Amino acid sequence: MSNLSDKILKTTVITGVCLSVVPSMIFQSQNIASKLSNKIKTEEQAYIILNQEAKKLDISHTIKLIISEKNVYSNLGIRGFAAQDSLQSEYLIGINKKDLDRIILRHELYHLYSVGSNLPKYSTSESGTLLYFQNIVNSKDRKIGYDMDVFVKYEAPAFIYAVTGIKLNNKKE
């Protein structure tokens, strides 16, 4: 009986370590790549890189970029987001100015690629997106970044794509 309980304990410890270490490693790999990546300094440069990267993912929709000069999304614990405007006519990517680089653009573009028309829909203004995320942060059902199912299904593939260019999901329209 002792041998069985030792195996159960060993399996439990290994599982616990994997569930806590692996997501951290995936997340940190993007942070390291982002730190090593050149920061994008102008909106024009951001759109050039955005269009280059969107082409690699075969994204043909118009994409509006909201660059927060005041880095307001940091207050909500996010560096950027991907969504659709409330009229569904274009995609949106919002990013803090201090976080703006090719890696974070690739991460958010991957959400457009893999989730497509199932993205959240809200206002194209910075204040509209800020209100949207404040409601999520204050919600009892908060799902951004802390729910393992959301992490595995949406965030991990976007982290991996941002760093490696490997697509783990099929394209959604």
N, C-alpha and C. Protein backbone atom coordinates (compact mmCIF):
# COMPACT_ATOMS: atom_id res chain seq x y z
N MET A 1 0.82 -1.20 0.00
CA MET A 1 0.00 0.00 0.00
C MET A 1 0.87 1.26 0.00
N SER A 2 1.98 1.20 0.68
CA SER A 2 2.87 2.35 0.74
C SER A 2 3.39 2.71 -0.66
N ASN A 3 3.65 1.71 -1.47
CA ASN A 3 4.15 1.94 -2.83
C ASN A 3 3.11 2.70 -3.67
N LEU A 4 1.84 2.34 -3.52
CA LEU A 4 0.77 3.01 -4.24
C LEU A 4 0.64 4.46 -3.79
N SER A 5 0.67 4.71 -2.50
CA SER A 5 0.54 6.09 -2.00
C SER A 5 1.76 6.92 -2.41
N ASP A 6 2.94 6.31 -2.48
CA ASP A 6 4.12 7.02 -2.96
C ASP A 6 3.96 7.42 -4.43
N LYS A 7 3.40 6.52 -5.23
CA LYS A 7 3.17 6.82 -6.65
C LYS A 7 2.15 7.95 -6.82
N ILE A 8 1.09 7.89 -6.01
CA ILE A 8 0.06 8.93 -6.08
C ILE A 8 0.65 10.28 -5.69
N LEU A 9 1.43 10.30 -4.61
CA LEU A 9 2.06 11.53 -4.16
C LEU A 9 3.02 12.07 -5.22
N LYS A 10 3.83 11.19 -5.79
CA LYS A 10 4.79 11.59 -6.82
C LYS A 10 4.07 12.17 -8.05
N THR A 11 3.01 11.50 -8.48
CA THR A 11 2.23 11.95 -9.62
C THR A 11 1.58 13.31 -9.34
N THR A 12 1.06 13.47 -8.13
CA THR A 12 0.42 14.73 -7.74
C THR A 12 1.43 15.87 -7.75
N VAL A 13 2.62 15.63 -7.21
CA VAL A 13 3.66 16.66 -7.17
C VAL A 13 4.11 17.03 -8.58
N ILE A 14 4.36 16.03 -9.42
CA ILE A 14 4.79 16.30 -10.80
C ILE A 14 3.72 17.07 -11.55
N THR A 15 2.47 16.68 -11.40
CA THR A 15 1.36 17.37 -12.07
C THR A 15 1.28 18.82 -11.59
N GLY A 16 1.38 19.02 -10.29
CA GLY A 16 1.33 20.37 -9.73
C GLY A 16 2.45 21.25 -10.26
N VAL A 17 3.65 20.69 -10.32
CA VAL A 17 4.79 21.45 -10.82
C VAL A 17 4.57 21.81 -12.29
N CYS A 18 4.13 20.84 -13.09
CA CYS A 18 3.89 21.10 -14.52
C CYS A 18 2.82 22.16 -14.73
N LEU A 19 1.74 22.07 -13.94
CA LEU A 19 0.65 23.03 -14.11
C LEU A 19 1.05 24.45 -13.68
N SER A 20 2.03 24.56 -12.80
CA SER A 20 2.45 25.89 -12.38
C SER A 20 3.66 26.40 -13.15
N VAL A 21 4.57 25.53 -13.55
CA VAL A 21 5.80 25.95 -14.21
C VAL A 21 5.63 26.16 -15.71
N VAL A 22 4.96 25.26 -16.39
CA VAL A 22 4.84 25.34 -17.84
C VAL A 22 4.15 26.64 -18.30
N PRO A 23 2.99 27.02 -17.73
CA PRO A 23 2.40 28.30 -18.15
C PRO A 23 3.34 29.48 -17.90
N SER A 24 4.04 29.45 -16.80
CA SER A 24 4.99 30.53 -16.49
C SER A 24 6.11 30.58 -17.52
N MET A 25 6.61 29.41 -17.93
CA MET A 25 7.68 29.36 -18.93
C MET A 25 7.20 29.92 -20.27
N ILE A 26 5.97 29.56 -20.67
CA ILE A 26 5.42 30.05 -21.93
C ILE A 26 5.26 31.57 -21.86
N PHE A 27 4.68 32.06 -20.76
CA PHE A 27 4.48 33.49 -20.58
C PHE A 27 5.81 34.24 -20.56
N GLN A 28 6.77 33.73 -19.82
CA GLN A 28 8.06 34.41 -19.70
C GLN A 28 8.85 34.41 -21.00
N SER A 29 8.68 33.38 -21.83
CA SER A 29 9.39 33.38 -23.11
C SER A 29 8.97 34.57 -23.96
N GLN A 30 7.67 34.92 -23.93
CA GLN A 30 7.22 36.09 -24.68
C GLN A 30 7.76 37.36 -24.04
N ASN A 31 7.78 37.43 -22.72
CA ASN A 31 8.31 38.63 -22.05
C ASN A 31 9.78 38.85 -22.40
N ILE A 32 10.56 37.78 -22.41
CA ILE A 32 11.98 37.89 -22.74
C ILE A 32 12.15 38.33 -24.20
N ALA A 33 11.41 37.69 -25.11
CA ALA A 33 11.49 38.08 -26.53
C ALA A 33 11.08 39.53 -26.71
N SER A 34 10.07 39.96 -25.99
CA SER A 34 9.60 41.33 -26.08
C SER A 34 10.66 42.32 -25.58
N LYS A 35 11.33 41.96 -24.50
CA LYS A 35 12.40 42.82 -23.97
C LYS A 35 13.55 42.95 -24.97
N LEU A 36 13.81 41.90 -25.72
CA LEU A 36 14.90 41.91 -26.70
C LEU A 36 14.49 42.54 -28.04
N SER A 37 13.19 42.67 -28.25
CA SER A 37 12.67 43.23 -29.49
C SER A 37 12.77 44.75 -29.47
N ASN A 38 13.00 45.35 -30.63
CA ASN A 38 13.03 46.81 -30.72
C ASN A 38 11.64 47.37 -30.48
N LYS A 39 11.55 48.42 -29.69
CA LYS A 39 10.28 49.10 -29.47
C LYS A 39 9.89 49.85 -30.74
N ILE A 40 8.60 49.89 -31.01
CA ILE A 40 8.08 50.63 -32.16
C ILE A 40 7.82 52.05 -31.68
N LYS A 41 8.36 53.00 -32.39
CA LYS A 41 8.33 54.39 -31.92
C LYS A 41 7.21 55.24 -32.51
N THR A 42 6.73 54.90 -33.71
CA THR A 42 5.71 55.73 -34.34
C THR A 42 4.51 54.87 -34.76
N GLU A 43 3.38 55.53 -34.92
CA GLU A 43 2.18 54.83 -35.39
C GLU A 43 2.39 54.31 -36.81
N GLU A 44 3.08 55.09 -37.64
CA GLU A 44 3.36 54.66 -39.01
C GLU A 44 4.18 53.37 -39.02
N GLN A 45 5.21 53.33 -38.21
CA GLN A 45 6.04 52.12 -38.10
C GLN A 45 5.21 50.95 -37.58
N ALA A 46 4.32 51.22 -36.63
CA ALA A 46 3.46 50.17 -36.08
C ALA A 46 2.56 49.57 -37.15
N TYR A 47 1.98 50.43 -38.00
CA TYR A 47 1.10 49.93 -39.06
C TYR A 47 1.87 49.15 -40.13
N ILE A 48 3.09 49.55 -40.41
CA ILE A 48 3.91 48.80 -41.37
C ILE A 48 4.15 47.38 -40.86
N ILE A 49 4.55 47.28 -39.60
CA ILE A 49 4.81 45.96 -39.00
C ILE A 49 3.51 45.18 -38.86
N LEU A 50 2.44 45.85 -38.45
CA LEU A 50 1.14 45.20 -38.32
C LEU A 50 0.71 44.58 -39.64
N ASN A 51 0.85 45.32 -40.73
CA ASN A 51 0.45 44.81 -42.05
C ASN A 51 1.35 43.67 -42.51
N GLN A 52 2.66 43.74 -42.24
CA GLN A 52 3.58 42.64 -42.58
C GLN A 52 3.17 41.36 -41.85
N GLU A 53 2.92 41.50 -40.56
CA GLU A 53 2.57 40.33 -39.75
C GLU A 53 1.17 39.80 -40.07
N ALA A 54 0.22 40.69 -40.36
CA ALA A 54 -1.13 40.25 -40.73
C ALA A 54 -1.10 39.45 -42.02
N LYS A 55 -0.24 39.86 -42.94
CA LYS A 55 -0.11 39.15 -44.22
C LYS A 55 0.38 37.71 -43.98
N LYS A 56 1.31 37.53 -43.05
CA LYS A 56 1.83 36.19 -42.73
C LYS A 56 0.72 35.27 -42.22
N LEU A 57 -0.28 35.86 -41.56
CA LEU A 57 -1.40 35.07 -41.04
C LEU A 57 -2.60 35.07 -41.97
N ASP A 58 -2.46 35.69 -43.13
CA ASP A 58 -3.53 35.76 -44.11
C ASP A 58 -4.79 36.41 -43.54
N ILE A 59 -4.59 37.50 -42.78
CA ILE A 59 -5.71 38.27 -42.24
C ILE A 59 -5.99 39.41 -43.21
N SER A 60 -7.19 39.41 -43.79
CA SER A 60 -7.52 40.40 -44.81
C SER A 60 -8.41 41.53 -44.28
N HIS A 61 -8.96 41.38 -43.07
CA HIS A 61 -9.81 42.43 -42.50
C HIS A 61 -9.00 43.70 -42.22
N THR A 62 -9.69 44.83 -42.24
CA THR A 62 -9.07 46.08 -41.80
C THR A 62 -8.81 45.98 -40.30
N ILE A 63 -7.64 46.44 -39.88
CA ILE A 63 -7.28 46.39 -38.46
C ILE A 63 -6.97 47.80 -38.00
N LYS A 64 -7.70 48.25 -36.99
CA LYS A 64 -7.45 49.56 -36.39
C LYS A 64 -6.55 49.33 -35.18
N LEU A 65 -5.52 50.14 -35.06
CA LEU A 65 -4.59 50.06 -33.94
C LEU A 65 -4.87 51.20 -32.98
N ILE A 66 -5.13 50.88 -31.72
CA ILE A 66 -5.30 51.89 -30.68
C ILE A 66 -4.05 51.83 -29.80
N ILE A 67 -3.22 52.87 -29.87
CA ILE A 67 -2.00 52.92 -29.07
C ILE A 67 -2.27 53.85 -27.89
N SER A 68 -2.25 53.30 -26.70
CA SER A 68 -2.50 54.11 -25.52
C SER A 68 -1.24 54.84 -25.10
N GLU A 69 -1.21 56.13 -25.36
CA GLU A 69 -0.05 56.95 -24.98
C GLU A 69 0.12 56.98 -23.46
N LYS A 70 -0.99 56.87 -22.73
CA LYS A 70 -0.95 56.91 -21.26
C LYS A 70 -0.79 55.52 -20.65
N ASN A 71 -0.68 54.50 -21.48
CA ASN A 71 -0.50 53.12 -21.00
C ASN A 71 -1.61 52.68 -20.05
N VAL A 72 -2.85 53.05 -20.38
CA VAL A 72 -3.98 52.79 -19.49
C VAL A 72 -4.29 51.31 -19.29
N TYR A 73 -3.92 50.49 -20.24
CA TYR A 73 -4.24 49.06 -20.12
C TYR A 73 -3.38 48.39 -19.05
N SER A 74 -2.22 48.97 -18.75
CA SER A 74 -1.36 48.44 -17.69
C SER A 74 -2.08 48.42 -16.36
N ASN A 75 -2.92 49.42 -16.11
CA ASN A 75 -3.67 49.49 -14.85
C ASN A 75 -4.63 48.32 -14.70
N LEU A 76 -4.95 47.68 -15.81
CA LEU A 76 -5.87 46.54 -15.80
C LEU A 76 -5.13 45.21 -15.89
N GLY A 77 -3.81 45.27 -15.89
CA GLY A 77 -3.02 44.05 -15.93
C GLY A 77 -2.83 43.45 -17.30
N ILE A 78 -3.04 44.25 -18.35
CA ILE A 78 -2.85 43.74 -19.71
C ILE A 78 -1.92 44.66 -20.49
N ARG A 79 -1.25 44.08 -21.47
CA ARG A 79 -0.36 44.85 -22.35
C ARG A 79 -1.08 45.24 -23.63
N GLY A 80 -2.03 44.42 -24.03
CA GLY A 80 -2.76 44.68 -25.26
C GLY A 80 -4.00 43.81 -25.33
N PHE A 81 -4.77 43.99 -26.38
CA PHE A 81 -5.97 43.19 -26.59
C PHE A 81 -6.32 43.14 -28.07
N ALA A 82 -7.13 42.17 -28.43
CA ALA A 82 -7.65 42.05 -29.79
C ALA A 82 -9.17 41.96 -29.70
N ALA A 83 -9.86 42.61 -30.63
CA ALA A 83 -11.33 42.62 -30.59
C ALA A 83 -11.88 43.05 -31.94
N GLN A 84 -13.20 43.17 -32.00
CA GLN A 84 -13.89 43.76 -33.15
C GLN A 84 -14.57 45.02 -32.68
N ASP A 85 -14.74 45.99 -33.58
CA ASP A 85 -15.54 47.14 -33.18
C ASP A 85 -16.99 46.69 -33.07
N SER A 86 -17.79 47.50 -32.41
CA SER A 86 -19.16 47.09 -32.13
C SER A 86 -20.01 46.94 -33.39
N LEU A 87 -19.56 47.51 -34.50
CA LEU A 87 -20.29 47.37 -35.76
C LEU A 87 -19.79 46.19 -36.59
N GLN A 88 -18.77 45.48 -36.10
CA GLN A 88 -18.17 44.32 -36.76
C GLN A 88 -17.57 44.63 -38.12
N SER A 89 -17.23 45.88 -38.36
CA SER A 89 -16.68 46.20 -39.67
C SER A 89 -15.15 46.12 -39.72
N GLU A 90 -14.50 46.14 -38.55
CA GLU A 90 -13.05 46.05 -38.54
C GLU A 90 -12.57 45.41 -37.24
N TYR A 91 -11.37 44.90 -37.31
CA TYR A 91 -10.73 44.36 -36.11
C TYR A 91 -10.01 45.49 -35.39
N LEU A 92 -9.79 45.29 -34.11
CA LEU A 92 -9.07 46.25 -33.28
C LEU A 92 -7.92 45.56 -32.57
N ILE A 93 -6.82 46.27 -32.44
CA ILE A 93 -5.75 45.85 -31.54
C ILE A 93 -5.40 47.08 -30.73
N GLY A 94 -5.46 46.94 -29.42
CA GLY A 94 -5.08 48.02 -28.53
C GLY A 94 -3.82 47.62 -27.79
N ILE A 95 -2.87 48.54 -27.66
CA ILE A 95 -1.60 48.24 -27.01
C ILE A 95 -1.13 49.48 -26.25
N ASN A 96 -0.55 49.23 -25.08
CA ASN A 96 0.12 50.31 -24.35
C ASN A 96 1.34 50.78 -25.15
N LYS A 97 1.55 52.06 -25.23
CA LYS A 97 2.70 52.63 -25.96
C LYS A 97 4.02 52.02 -25.46
N LYS A 98 4.15 51.86 -24.14
CA LYS A 98 5.40 51.34 -23.58
C LYS A 98 5.65 49.88 -23.94
N ASP A 99 4.60 49.15 -24.33
CA ASP A 99 4.72 47.73 -24.67
C ASP A 99 4.76 47.47 -26.17
N LEU A 100 4.68 48.51 -26.96
CA LEU A 100 4.53 48.35 -28.41
C LEU A 100 5.80 47.84 -29.07
N ASP A 101 5.76 46.58 -29.51
CA ASP A 101 6.85 45.98 -30.26
C ASP A 101 6.28 44.89 -31.17
N ARG A 102 7.12 44.31 -32.00
CA ARG A 102 6.67 43.29 -32.95
C ARG A 102 6.08 42.07 -32.23
N ILE A 103 6.66 41.69 -31.10
CA ILE A 103 6.20 40.49 -30.38
C ILE A 103 4.77 40.66 -29.90
N ILE A 104 4.45 41.78 -29.27
CA ILE A 104 3.09 41.97 -28.78
C ILE A 104 2.10 42.11 -29.94
N LEU A 105 2.53 42.73 -31.04
CA LEU A 105 1.66 42.80 -32.22
C LEU A 105 1.37 41.40 -32.75
N ARG A 106 2.40 40.56 -32.82
CA ARG A 106 2.21 39.18 -33.28
C ARG A 106 1.25 38.42 -32.36
N HIS A 107 1.40 38.63 -31.06
CA HIS A 107 0.52 37.97 -30.08
C HIS A 107 -0.94 38.35 -30.33
N GLU A 108 -1.20 39.64 -30.43
CA GLU A 108 -2.59 40.09 -30.62
C GLU A 108 -3.13 39.71 -32.00
N LEU A 109 -2.29 39.76 -33.01
CA LEU A 109 -2.72 39.32 -34.35
C LEU A 109 -3.10 37.84 -34.34
N TYR A 110 -2.39 37.05 -33.55
CA TYR A 110 -2.72 35.63 -33.49
C TYR A 110 -4.13 35.42 -32.92
N HIS A 111 -4.55 36.27 -31.99
CA HIS A 111 -5.93 36.18 -31.51
C HIS A 111 -6.90 36.46 -32.64
N LEU A 112 -6.59 37.44 -33.48
CA LEU A 112 -7.46 37.73 -34.64
C LEU A 112 -7.52 36.51 -35.56
N TYR A 113 -6.37 35.91 -35.78
CA TYR A 113 -6.26 34.74 -36.65
C TYR A 113 -7.04 33.55 -36.09
N SER A 114 -6.87 33.25 -34.82
CA SER A 114 -7.41 32.01 -34.26
C SER A 114 -8.84 32.13 -33.75
N VAL A 115 -9.28 33.33 -33.39
CA VAL A 115 -10.63 33.49 -32.85
C VAL A 115 -11.56 34.14 -33.87
N GLY A 116 -11.03 35.03 -34.70
CA GLY A 116 -11.81 35.64 -35.77
C GLY A 116 -13.05 36.37 -35.30
N SER A 117 -14.18 36.07 -35.91
CA SER A 117 -15.42 36.80 -35.63
C SER A 117 -15.99 36.50 -34.25
N ASN A 118 -15.40 35.59 -33.51
CA ASN A 118 -15.84 35.30 -32.15
C ASN A 118 -15.17 36.20 -31.11
N LEU A 119 -14.42 37.18 -31.57
CA LEU A 119 -13.76 38.12 -30.66
C LEU A 119 -14.79 38.98 -29.93
N PRO A 120 -14.42 39.51 -28.76
CA PRO A 120 -15.31 40.46 -28.09
C PRO A 120 -15.55 41.68 -28.98
N LYS A 121 -16.71 42.27 -28.83
CA LYS A 121 -17.06 43.45 -29.65
C LYS A 121 -17.29 44.63 -28.72
N TYR A 122 -16.64 45.76 -29.02
CA TYR A 122 -16.85 46.97 -28.25
C TYR A 122 -16.35 48.19 -28.99
N SER A 123 -16.49 49.32 -28.35
CA SER A 123 -16.18 50.63 -28.95
C SER A 123 -14.75 50.73 -29.43
N THR A 124 -14.57 51.49 -30.50
CA THR A 124 -13.22 51.66 -31.05
C THR A 124 -12.42 52.74 -30.32
N SER A 125 -13.00 53.41 -29.37
CA SER A 125 -12.27 54.47 -28.65
C SER A 125 -11.48 53.88 -27.49
N GLU A 126 -10.43 54.57 -27.08
CA GLU A 126 -9.65 54.12 -25.92
C GLU A 126 -10.52 54.07 -24.67
N SER A 127 -11.40 55.06 -24.48
CA SER A 127 -12.26 55.08 -23.29
C SER A 127 -13.26 53.92 -23.33
N GLY A 128 -13.75 53.58 -24.52
CA GLY A 128 -14.67 52.46 -24.64
C GLY A 128 -14.01 51.13 -24.32
N THR A 129 -12.81 50.94 -24.79
CA THR A 129 -12.10 49.69 -24.50
C THR A 129 -11.70 49.64 -23.03
N LEU A 130 -11.33 50.77 -22.47
CA LEU A 130 -10.96 50.82 -21.06
C LEU A 130 -12.15 50.43 -20.19
N LEU A 131 -13.32 50.96 -20.49
CA LEU A 131 -14.53 50.63 -19.75
C LEU A 131 -14.83 49.13 -19.85
N TYR A 132 -14.68 48.58 -21.06
CA TYR A 132 -14.91 47.15 -21.27
C TYR A 132 -14.02 46.31 -20.35
N PHE A 133 -12.71 46.62 -20.32
CA PHE A 133 -11.80 45.84 -19.50
C PHE A 133 -11.98 46.11 -18.01
N GLN A 134 -12.37 47.31 -17.62
CA GLN A 134 -12.66 47.58 -16.21
C GLN A 134 -13.82 46.72 -15.74
N ASN A 135 -14.82 46.56 -16.58
CA ASN A 135 -15.96 45.71 -16.23
C ASN A 135 -15.52 44.26 -16.06
N ILE A 136 -14.59 43.79 -16.89
CA ILE A 136 -14.09 42.43 -16.74
C ILE A 136 -13.31 42.28 -15.45
N VAL A 137 -12.42 43.23 -15.18
CA VAL A 137 -11.61 43.17 -13.96
C VAL A 137 -12.49 43.16 -12.72
N ASN A 138 -13.57 43.93 -12.74
CA ASN A 138 -14.47 44.01 -11.59
C ASN A 138 -15.48 42.87 -11.54
N SER A 139 -15.54 42.07 -12.59
CA SER A 139 -16.52 40.98 -12.68
C SER A 139 -16.11 39.80 -11.81
N LYS A 140 -17.10 39.12 -11.26
CA LYS A 140 -16.85 37.89 -10.51
C LYS A 140 -16.44 36.76 -11.45
N ASP A 141 -16.81 36.89 -12.73
CA ASP A 141 -16.52 35.86 -13.73
C ASP A 141 -15.27 36.18 -14.53
N ARG A 142 -14.32 36.90 -13.96
CA ARG A 142 -13.11 37.32 -14.67
C ARG A 142 -12.43 36.13 -15.33
N LYS A 143 -12.17 36.25 -16.62
CA LYS A 143 -11.58 35.15 -17.37
C LYS A 143 -10.23 35.51 -17.99
N ILE A 144 -9.84 36.77 -18.02
CA ILE A 144 -8.63 37.16 -18.74
C ILE A 144 -7.39 36.80 -17.94
N GLY A 145 -6.56 35.94 -18.52
CA GLY A 145 -5.24 35.67 -17.98
C GLY A 145 -5.16 34.76 -16.78
N TYR A 146 -6.24 34.50 -16.07
CA TYR A 146 -6.14 33.74 -14.83
C TYR A 146 -6.89 32.42 -14.88
N ASP A 147 -7.65 32.18 -15.88
CA ASP A 147 -8.41 30.95 -16.01
C ASP A 147 -7.59 29.98 -16.85
N MET A 148 -7.28 28.80 -16.31
CA MET A 148 -6.39 27.86 -17.00
C MET A 148 -6.96 27.42 -18.34
N ASP A 149 -8.27 27.24 -18.43
CA ASP A 149 -8.88 26.83 -19.69
C ASP A 149 -8.68 27.91 -20.75
N VAL A 150 -8.90 29.17 -20.37
CA VAL A 150 -8.68 30.29 -21.29
C VAL A 150 -7.20 30.37 -21.67
N PHE A 151 -6.32 30.20 -20.68
CA PHE A 151 -4.89 30.25 -20.95
C PHE A 151 -4.48 29.21 -21.98
N VAL A 152 -4.90 27.97 -21.76
CA VAL A 152 -4.50 26.88 -22.66
C VAL A 152 -5.11 27.05 -24.04
N LYS A 153 -6.35 27.45 -24.11
CA LYS A 153 -7.05 27.53 -25.39
C LYS A 153 -6.66 28.76 -26.22
N TYR A 154 -6.45 29.90 -25.55
CA TYR A 154 -6.24 31.16 -26.28
C TYR A 154 -4.86 31.78 -26.08
N GLU A 155 -4.44 31.90 -24.82
CA GLU A 155 -3.22 32.65 -24.56
C GLU A 155 -1.95 31.87 -24.90
N ALA A 156 -1.86 30.62 -24.50
CA ALA A 156 -0.63 29.84 -24.77
C ALA A 156 -0.31 29.78 -26.27
N PRO A 157 -1.29 29.47 -27.13
CA PRO A 157 -0.96 29.47 -28.57
C PRO A 157 -0.52 30.84 -29.08
N ALA A 158 -1.09 31.92 -28.54
CA ALA A 158 -0.69 33.26 -28.96
C ALA A 158 0.72 33.58 -28.47
N PHE A 159 1.06 33.16 -27.25
CA PHE A 159 2.43 33.34 -26.74
C PHE A 159 3.42 32.58 -27.62
N ILE A 160 3.08 31.34 -27.93
CA ILE A 160 3.98 30.50 -28.73
C ILE A 160 4.16 31.08 -30.13
N TYR A 161 3.06 31.52 -30.75
CA TYR A 161 3.17 32.13 -32.08
C TYR A 161 4.02 33.40 -32.03
N ALA A 162 3.79 34.24 -31.04
CA ALA A 162 4.52 35.51 -30.94
C ALA A 162 6.02 35.30 -30.93
N VAL A 163 6.47 34.24 -30.27
CA VAL A 163 7.90 33.99 -30.12
C VAL A 163 8.46 33.15 -31.26
N THR A 164 7.69 32.15 -31.73
CA THR A 164 8.24 31.17 -32.68
C THR A 164 7.67 31.26 -34.09
N GLY A 165 6.47 31.82 -34.25
CA GLY A 165 5.81 31.82 -35.55
C GLY A 165 5.07 30.52 -35.84
N ILE A 166 5.00 29.63 -34.86
CA ILE A 166 4.30 28.35 -35.03
C ILE A 166 2.82 28.54 -34.73
N LYS A 167 1.96 28.16 -35.68
CA LYS A 167 0.51 28.27 -35.53
C LYS A 167 -0.03 26.95 -34.96
N LEU A 168 -0.68 27.05 -33.81
CA LEU A 168 -1.25 25.85 -33.18
C LEU A 168 -2.73 25.68 -33.45
N ASN A 169 -3.41 26.72 -33.87
CA ASN A 169 -4.84 26.68 -34.12
C ASN A 169 -5.12 26.90 -35.60
N ASN A 170 -6.30 26.49 -36.03
CA ASN A 170 -6.72 26.77 -37.40
C ASN A 170 -7.29 28.18 -37.48
N LYS A 171 -7.21 28.76 -38.66
CA LYS A 171 -7.72 30.11 -38.87
C LYS A 171 -9.24 30.12 -38.77
N LYS A 172 -9.77 31.16 -38.09
CA LYS A 172 -11.21 31.35 -37.98
C LYS A 172 -11.59 32.60 -38.75
N GLU A 173 -12.72 32.58 -39.35
CA GLU A 173 -13.24 33.77 -40.06
C GLU A 173 -14.44 34.31 -39.35
